[in-house]
Amino acid sequence: MNNYFLIAIGVMIFLLIFQIAKASEYVSILKGEEKSRKQTNRINGFFLVAFLILGLIGVWWCNHLYYGKTLFPQGSASLEGESIDTMMWITIAVCGVVFLITQILLFWFSFKYQESDKRKAYYFTHNDKLELLWTGVPAIVLTVLVVFGLKYWFKFTGDAPKDSQLIEVTGHQFDWEFRYPGKDGVFGRKNYKLTDAANRNPLGVDWNDEASHDDIHVTHIMHAVVGKPIKLIINSQDVIHDVGLPHFRMKMDAVPGIPTTLWFTPKWTTEEMKVRTGNPNFVYEISCDQICGKGHFGMKGIIIIETQQEFDKWIAGEKSEYYKAFLDIDPNPAPKTDSTVTDAKPVAQVTH
């Protein structure tokens, strides 16, 4: 019913515009086409100037109201993101200056040089200097911006520092999974054919690989160390997602079958950001910046940036995914309670 109602409204608007246009045409015939055209030009010229003034006031007012609610006042929460902020400000400044000059000239010229019997329009078909100017200058400016953008892009997606903290990020509809290597600093290998969330192997880890036995797997919440480079190894289990890190000014696609990487260095812990922002409920977010299905809007995760001591304490209290899957061989089993599930089926072993 709502769709029919919207269609009816659209038809009514179209008919209204059509009738106004026809009425304007009839008025022009009655008044005389030339007189009516000149009068319309004067009215349109006045509206153009009014729109210019009100529009610029509106731009300023919106900036006044909403700038403080953006992430700009907080600054980049990563060292590498500072370069992104600098590029963003340069781009805004360049585009802002061009916008003001072109729009003011456009609307003013439309008003000042409207049709008049006292002057004749100057007409020319070609001007090499003007075409070179308005083609060459924007091309040079945009090339410079693109070159700097590529420079930073290759840096963030290139080789991370050797002491980087490794975190594997896996996206699926509609949540994030995080995996950490154990004390050996090596991730156990995976095989998508082994993926079986019902049997406690949601990431498809090959348990035959001993390197996987101390890997830590958590869902929804990522822990990372402040002041230490973080290398994200990004995967997707179904469709294309996108790891969006707005506070750190980073993002990277999560593509099925094609791992991607990204690295950055956090500047402030979550607790420090609560003080900086004046928001006791502040959290770093990881969002999906690629529309991935009907639950896309809720595909958010939390990033906790903490000190090395806090991270070590947290990860020491986490059980490896291997021992979660095989409870019967866990050297440090949790105390049994009535609600403890102990009869989960282990993931089938794969022999290579």
Protein backbone atom coordinates (compact mmCIF):
# COMPACT_ATOMS: atom_id res chain seq x y z
CA MET A 1 0.00 0.00 0.00
CA ASN A 2 2.82 2.41 0.84
CA ASN A 3 4.39 1.83 -2.58
CA TYR A 4 1.14 2.71 -4.37
CA PHE A 5 0.81 5.81 -2.21
CA LEU A 6 4.34 6.95 -3.14
CA ILE A 7 3.66 6.32 -6.82
CA ALA A 8 0.46 8.38 -6.60
CA ILE A 9 2.36 11.24 -4.97
CA GLY A 10 4.99 11.10 -7.71
CA VAL A 11 2.31 11.24 -10.42
CA MET A 12 0.61 14.19 -8.70
CA ILE A 13 3.89 16.10 -8.49
CA PHE A 14 4.56 15.45 -12.17
CA LEU A 15 1.08 16.67 -13.14
CA LEU A 16 1.50 19.77 -10.96
CA ILE A 17 4.79 20.69 -12.62
CA PHE A 18 3.30 20.02 -16.03
CA GLN A 19 0.32 22.30 -15.33
CA ILE A 20 2.56 25.07 -14.00
CA ALA A 21 4.67 24.85 -17.14
CA LYS A 22 1.59 25.02 -19.36
CA ALA A 23 0.20 27.98 -17.41
CA SER A 24 3.53 29.78 -17.76
CA GLU A 25 3.45 29.14 -21.49
CA TYR A 26 -0.06 30.61 -21.80
CA VAL A 27 0.97 33.69 -19.77
CA SER A 28 3.90 34.19 -22.11
CA ILE A 29 1.59 34.17 -25.11
CA LEU A 30 -0.77 36.69 -23.51
CA LYS A 31 1.99 39.07 -22.40
CA GLY A 32 4.16 38.64 -25.42
CA GLU A 33 6.98 36.16 -25.61
CA GLU A 34 9.86 38.67 -25.50
CA LYS A 35 8.50 40.66 -22.57
CA SER A 36 7.71 37.53 -20.62
CA ARG A 37 11.19 36.09 -21.26
CA LYS A 38 12.94 39.22 -19.99
CA GLN A 39 10.76 39.31 -16.90
CA THR A 40 11.50 35.64 -16.21
CA ASN A 41 15.23 36.29 -16.63
CA ARG A 42 15.13 39.09 -14.04
CA ILE A 43 13.26 36.90 -11.57
CA ASN A 44 15.64 33.99 -12.13
CA GLY A 45 18.66 36.29 -11.72
CA PHE A 46 17.34 37.51 -8.37
CA PHE A 47 16.71 33.96 -7.18
CA LEU A 48 20.21 32.90 -8.23
CA VAL A 49 21.83 35.61 -6.10
CA ALA A 50 19.53 34.80 -3.18
CA PHE A 51 20.36 31.11 -3.52
CA LEU A 52 24.10 31.91 -3.57
CA ILE A 53 23.93 33.99 -0.37
CA LEU A 54 21.61 31.62 1.50
CA GLY A 55 23.60 28.61 0.29
CA LEU A 56 26.92 30.00 1.57
CA ILE A 57 25.29 30.88 4.89
CA GLY A 58 23.91 27.35 5.04
CA VAL A 59 27.35 25.83 4.39
CA TRP A 60 28.87 27.90 7.19
CA TRP A 61 26.01 27.12 9.58
CA CYS A 62 26.14 23.36 8.94
CA ASN A 63 29.90 23.40 9.53
CA HIS A 64 29.33 25.36 12.76
CA LEU A 65 26.72 22.87 13.97
CA TYR A 66 28.27 19.56 12.97
CA TYR A 67 32.05 19.91 12.75
CA GLY A 68 32.42 19.18 16.45
CA LYS A 69 30.50 15.93 16.00
CA THR A 70 32.89 14.58 13.38
CA LEU A 71 36.11 12.67 14.04
CA PHE A 72 38.29 15.58 12.89
CA PRO A 73 38.49 17.38 16.27
CA GLN A 74 39.74 14.16 17.90
CA GLY A 75 42.64 13.86 15.50
CA SER A 76 43.95 10.62 14.07
CA ALA A 77 44.33 7.87 16.65
CA SER A 78 47.21 6.34 14.67
CA LEU A 79 50.57 7.74 13.66
CA GLU A 80 50.08 6.75 10.03
CA GLY A 81 46.61 8.28 9.98
CA GLU A 82 48.12 11.72 10.57
CA SER A 83 49.25 11.67 6.93
CA ILE A 84 45.68 10.88 5.86
CA ASP A 85 44.36 13.81 7.89
CA THR A 86 46.94 16.12 6.31
CA MET A 87 45.94 14.99 2.83
CA MET A 88 42.29 15.42 3.72
CA TRP A 89 42.80 18.99 4.91
CA ILE A 90 44.80 19.86 1.79
CA THR A 91 42.08 18.36 -0.41
CA ILE A 92 39.34 20.24 1.47
CA ALA A 93 41.31 23.51 1.20
CA VAL A 94 41.94 23.13 -2.54
CA CYS A 95 38.39 22.04 -3.33
CA GLY A 96 36.97 24.68 -0.99
CA VAL A 97 38.81 27.53 -2.70
CA VAL A 98 37.83 26.27 -6.15
CA PHE A 99 34.23 25.79 -5.02
CA LEU A 100 33.93 29.32 -3.64
CA ILE A 101 35.50 30.97 -6.68
CA THR A 102 33.56 29.01 -9.29
CA GLN A 103 30.17 29.13 -7.54
CA ILE A 104 30.34 32.84 -6.71
CA LEU A 105 31.35 33.63 -10.29
CA LEU A 106 28.70 31.30 -11.73
CA PHE A 107 25.77 32.80 -9.85
CA TRP A 108 27.01 36.38 -10.06
CA PHE A 109 27.62 36.19 -13.80
CA SER A 110 24.16 34.69 -14.31
CA PHE A 111 22.68 37.69 -12.53
CA LYS A 112 24.92 40.46 -13.88
CA TYR A 113 24.96 39.37 -17.51
CA GLN A 114 21.34 38.42 -17.98
CA GLU A 115 19.64 39.37 -21.24
CA SER A 116 19.74 43.12 -21.95
CA ASP A 117 19.02 45.30 -24.96
CA LYS A 118 21.94 47.57 -24.00
CA ARG A 119 24.70 45.08 -24.76
CA LYS A 120 25.52 42.26 -27.11
CA ALA A 121 27.06 38.98 -25.95
CA TYR A 122 30.62 38.35 -27.02
CA TYR A 123 30.91 35.03 -28.83
CA PHE A 124 34.11 33.13 -29.58
CA THR A 125 34.58 29.54 -30.68
CA HIS A 126 38.02 28.69 -29.36
CA ASN A 127 40.78 29.85 -27.00
CA ASP A 128 43.89 27.72 -26.61
CA LYS A 129 45.19 29.57 -23.55
CA LEU A 130 41.93 29.20 -21.59
CA GLU A 131 41.58 25.52 -22.46
CA LEU A 132 45.19 24.86 -21.44
CA LEU A 133 44.62 26.75 -18.18
CA TRP A 134 41.41 25.04 -17.06
CA THR A 135 42.64 21.61 -18.17
CA GLY A 136 46.30 21.75 -17.16
CA VAL A 137 46.02 23.30 -13.70
CA PRO A 138 43.41 20.84 -12.33
CA ALA A 139 45.31 17.94 -13.91
CA ILE A 140 48.56 18.97 -12.19
CA VAL A 141 46.88 19.52 -8.80
CA LEU A 142 45.02 16.19 -8.94
CA THR A 143 48.16 14.37 -10.05
CA VAL A 144 50.06 15.70 -7.03
CA LEU A 145 47.26 14.60 -4.69
CA VAL A 146 47.08 11.15 -6.28
CA VAL A 147 50.86 10.67 -6.07
CA PHE A 148 50.85 11.47 -2.34
CA GLY A 149 47.83 9.21 -1.85
CA LEU A 150 49.58 6.31 -3.59
CA LYS A 151 52.72 6.91 -1.55
CA TYR A 152 50.83 6.55 1.73
CA TRP A 153 48.74 3.67 0.39
CA PHE A 154 51.81 1.64 -0.55
CA LYS A 155 53.27 2.36 2.89
CA PHE A 156 50.22 1.19 4.87
CA THR A 157 49.66 -1.90 2.74
CA GLY A 158 53.33 -2.77 2.32
CA ASP A 159 55.73 -4.55 4.66
CA ALA A 160 54.95 -3.84 8.30
CA PRO A 161 57.75 -3.29 10.85
CA LYS A 162 59.31 -6.54 12.07
CA ASP A 163 58.11 -6.02 15.66
CA SER A 164 54.47 -5.61 14.59
CA GLN A 165 51.68 -7.29 16.50
CA LEU A 166 49.97 -9.81 14.21
CA ILE A 167 46.19 -10.04 14.24
CA GLU A 168 44.10 -11.98 11.75
CA VAL A 169 40.70 -10.45 10.99
CA THR A 170 37.96 -12.53 9.38
CA GLY A 171 34.66 -11.04 8.32
CA HIS A 172 31.43 -12.90 7.69
CA GLN A 173 27.75 -12.00 7.63
CA PHE A 174 27.52 -10.22 10.02
CA ASP A 175 30.39 -10.15 12.52
CA TRP A 176 34.16 -10.08 12.91
CA GLU A 177 36.47 -12.86 14.14
CA PHE A 178 39.99 -12.21 15.45
CA ARG A 179 42.89 -14.65 15.78
CA TYR A 180 46.22 -14.15 17.53
CA PRO A 181 49.33 -16.29 17.17
CA GLY A 182 50.56 -17.94 20.37
CA LYS A 183 54.00 -17.77 21.91
CA ASP A 184 55.56 -19.12 18.71
CA GLY A 185 54.42 -15.98 16.88
CA VAL A 186 53.13 -18.07 13.96
CA PHE A 187 49.57 -18.64 12.81
CA GLY A 188 48.48 -22.19 12.24
CA ARG A 189 47.45 -22.86 8.66
CA LYS A 190 43.81 -22.89 7.61
CA ASN A 191 41.73 -24.79 5.07
CA TYR A 192 38.32 -23.45 4.14
CA LYS A 193 37.07 -27.03 3.78
CA LEU A 194 37.50 -27.48 7.53
CA THR A 195 35.27 -24.55 8.44
CA ASP A 196 32.64 -25.89 10.82
CA ALA A 197 31.31 -23.47 13.42
CA ALA A 198 29.01 -26.13 14.91
CA ASN A 199 32.07 -28.20 15.84
CA ARG A 200 34.09 -25.29 17.21
CA ASN A 201 36.17 -24.58 14.15
CA PRO A 202 34.59 -21.41 12.69
CA LEU A 203 37.80 -20.31 10.95
CA GLY A 204 38.70 -23.64 9.32
CA VAL A 205 41.96 -24.11 11.24
CA ASP A 206 43.95 -27.24 10.43
CA TRP A 207 44.51 -28.81 13.85
CA ASN A 208 47.19 -31.11 12.38
CA ASP A 209 49.46 -28.08 12.19
CA GLU A 210 51.12 -27.78 15.60
CA ALA A 211 51.51 -24.02 15.10
CA SER A 212 47.73 -23.73 15.48
CA HIS A 213 47.62 -25.30 18.95
CA ASP A 214 48.41 -22.07 20.80
CA ASP A 215 46.46 -19.65 18.57
CA ILE A 216 43.85 -17.52 20.34
CA HIS A 217 40.47 -16.86 18.72
CA VAL A 218 37.95 -14.26 19.90
CA THR A 219 34.80 -12.81 18.40
CA HIS A 220 33.64 -9.20 18.08
CA ILE A 221 36.30 -7.61 20.34
CA MET A 222 39.89 -7.02 19.22
CA HIS A 223 42.67 -6.26 21.71
CA ALA A 224 45.81 -4.41 20.60
CA VAL A 225 48.80 -2.67 22.18
CA VAL A 226 49.24 1.10 22.13
CA GLY A 227 52.39 2.48 20.51
CA LYS A 228 53.12 -0.81 18.75
CA PRO A 229 52.59 -1.37 15.00
CA ILE A 230 49.62 -3.64 14.34
CA LYS A 231 49.55 -5.75 11.19
CA LEU A 232 46.09 -6.93 10.21
CA ILE A 233 45.76 -9.97 7.97
CA ILE A 234 42.26 -9.65 6.57
CA ASN A 235 39.98 -12.38 5.21
CA SER A 236 36.34 -12.93 4.35
CA GLN A 237 34.33 -16.14 4.54
CA ASP A 238 31.44 -15.21 2.26
CA VAL A 239 31.07 -11.88 0.44
CA ILE A 240 33.24 -8.78 0.15
CA HIS A 241 33.39 -6.86 3.42
CA ASP A 242 35.56 -3.90 4.34
CA VAL A 243 37.53 -3.37 7.54
CA GLY A 244 36.74 0.23 8.42
CA LEU A 245 38.86 1.85 11.16
CA PRO A 246 37.58 5.46 11.19
CA HIS A 247 39.42 6.58 14.32
CA PHE A 248 42.71 5.34 12.84
CA ARG A 249 41.88 6.69 9.33
CA MET A 250 42.34 3.24 7.79
CA LYS A 251 40.26 0.80 5.76
CA MET A 252 40.84 -2.29 3.66
CA ASP A 253 38.62 -4.69 1.74
CA ALA A 254 38.08 -8.20 3.06
CA VAL A 255 37.91 -10.35 -0.08
CA PRO A 256 36.95 -14.04 -0.13
CA GLY A 257 39.97 -16.17 -1.05
CA ILE A 258 42.39 -13.23 -1.24
CA PRO A 259 43.99 -12.19 2.09
CA THR A 260 44.79 -8.47 2.30
CA THR A 261 46.99 -6.65 4.80
CA LEU A 262 47.10 -3.31 6.55
CA TRP A 263 49.21 -1.90 9.36
CA PHE A 264 49.09 1.11 11.66
CA THR A 265 50.36 2.28 15.06
CA PRO A 266 47.80 3.34 17.72
CA LYS A 267 48.63 6.55 19.57
CA TRP A 268 46.23 6.43 22.52
CA THR A 269 44.66 3.72 24.62
CA THR A 270 40.90 3.41 24.88
CA GLU A 271 41.05 4.88 28.39
CA GLU A 272 43.06 7.87 27.16
CA MET A 273 40.53 8.48 24.40
CA LYS A 274 37.72 8.54 26.95
CA VAL A 275 39.51 11.47 28.59
CA ARG A 276 40.39 13.19 25.29
CA THR A 277 36.83 13.01 23.99
CA GLY A 278 35.13 13.61 27.33
CA ASN A 279 33.05 10.51 26.63
CA PRO A 280 33.24 7.83 29.34
CA ASN A 281 31.57 5.38 26.96
CA PHE A 282 34.04 5.89 24.11
CA VAL A 283 35.10 2.80 22.15
CA TYR A 284 37.18 2.32 19.04
CA GLU A 285 35.04 0.73 16.36
CA ILE A 286 35.70 -1.63 13.50
CA SER A 287 32.90 -1.30 10.98
CA CYS A 288 32.07 -2.89 7.66
CA ASP A 289 32.40 -0.16 5.03
CA GLN A 290 31.12 -2.30 2.18
CA ILE A 291 27.41 -3.08 1.84
CA CYS A 292 27.34 -6.83 2.42
CA GLY A 293 23.72 -7.80 2.97
CA LYS A 294 20.63 -7.01 5.01
CA GLY A 295 22.53 -7.13 8.31
CA HIS A 296 25.32 -4.83 7.12
CA PHE A 297 24.24 -1.98 9.42
CA GLY A 298 24.96 -4.09 12.52
CA MET A 299 28.34 -5.47 11.47
CA LYS A 300 30.42 -3.66 14.05
CA GLY A 301 33.23 -4.74 16.32
CA ILE A 302 35.08 -3.16 19.21
CA ILE A 303 38.80 -2.47 19.41
CA ILE A 304 40.38 -2.18 22.83
CA ILE A 305 43.73 -0.39 22.72
CA GLU A 306 45.66 -1.00 25.92
CA THR A 307 49.15 -1.11 27.38
CA GLN A 308 51.47 -4.06 26.83
CA GLN A 309 50.95 -5.16 30.44
CA GLU A 310 47.17 -5.07 30.09
CA PHE A 311 47.32 -6.98 26.83
CA ASP A 312 49.62 -9.65 28.27
CA LYS A 313 47.27 -10.11 31.21
CA TRP A 314 44.25 -10.42 28.92
CA ILE A 315 45.78 -12.92 26.52
CA ALA A 316 47.19 -15.01 29.37
CA GLY A 317 43.63 -15.58 30.52
CA GLU A 318 42.44 -16.75 27.10
CA LYS A 319 42.28 -20.45 26.19
CA SER A 320 43.65 -21.46 22.80
CA GLU A 321 41.09 -22.41 20.18
CA TYR A 322 42.63 -25.86 19.90
CA TYR A 323 41.83 -26.71 23.51
CA LYS A 324 38.37 -25.19 23.16
CA ALA A 325 37.75 -27.66 20.34
CA PHE A 326 39.27 -30.63 22.18
CA LEU A 327 38.17 -30.24 25.78
CA ASP A 328 39.17 -33.76 26.72
CA ILE A 329 42.88 -33.10 26.16
CA ASP A 330 42.98 -29.60 27.72
CA PRO A 331 45.85 -29.59 30.26
CA ASN A 332 44.09 -26.82 32.21
CA PRO A 333 40.37 -27.60 32.00
CA ALA A 334 37.85 -25.18 33.41
CA PRO A 335 35.92 -26.34 36.49
CA LYS A 336 32.80 -28.22 35.44
CA THR A 337 29.37 -26.81 36.21
CA ASP A 338 25.88 -27.88 35.25
CA SER A 339 25.97 -25.50 32.30
CA THR A 340 29.37 -26.57 31.01
CA VAL A 341 29.19 -28.22 27.59
CA THR A 342 31.63 -31.12 27.40
CA ASP A 343 30.20 -33.34 24.71
CA ALA A 344 30.98 -31.20 21.69
CA LYS A 345 32.19 -33.19 18.73
CA PRO A 346 35.82 -32.51 17.78
CA VAL A 347 36.63 -31.33 14.32
CA ALA A 348 37.67 -34.10 11.99
CA GLN A 349 41.43 -34.37 11.58
CA VAL A 350 42.96 -34.01 8.15
CA THR A 351 46.10 -35.96 7.39
CA HIS A 352 48.47 -34.59 4.77
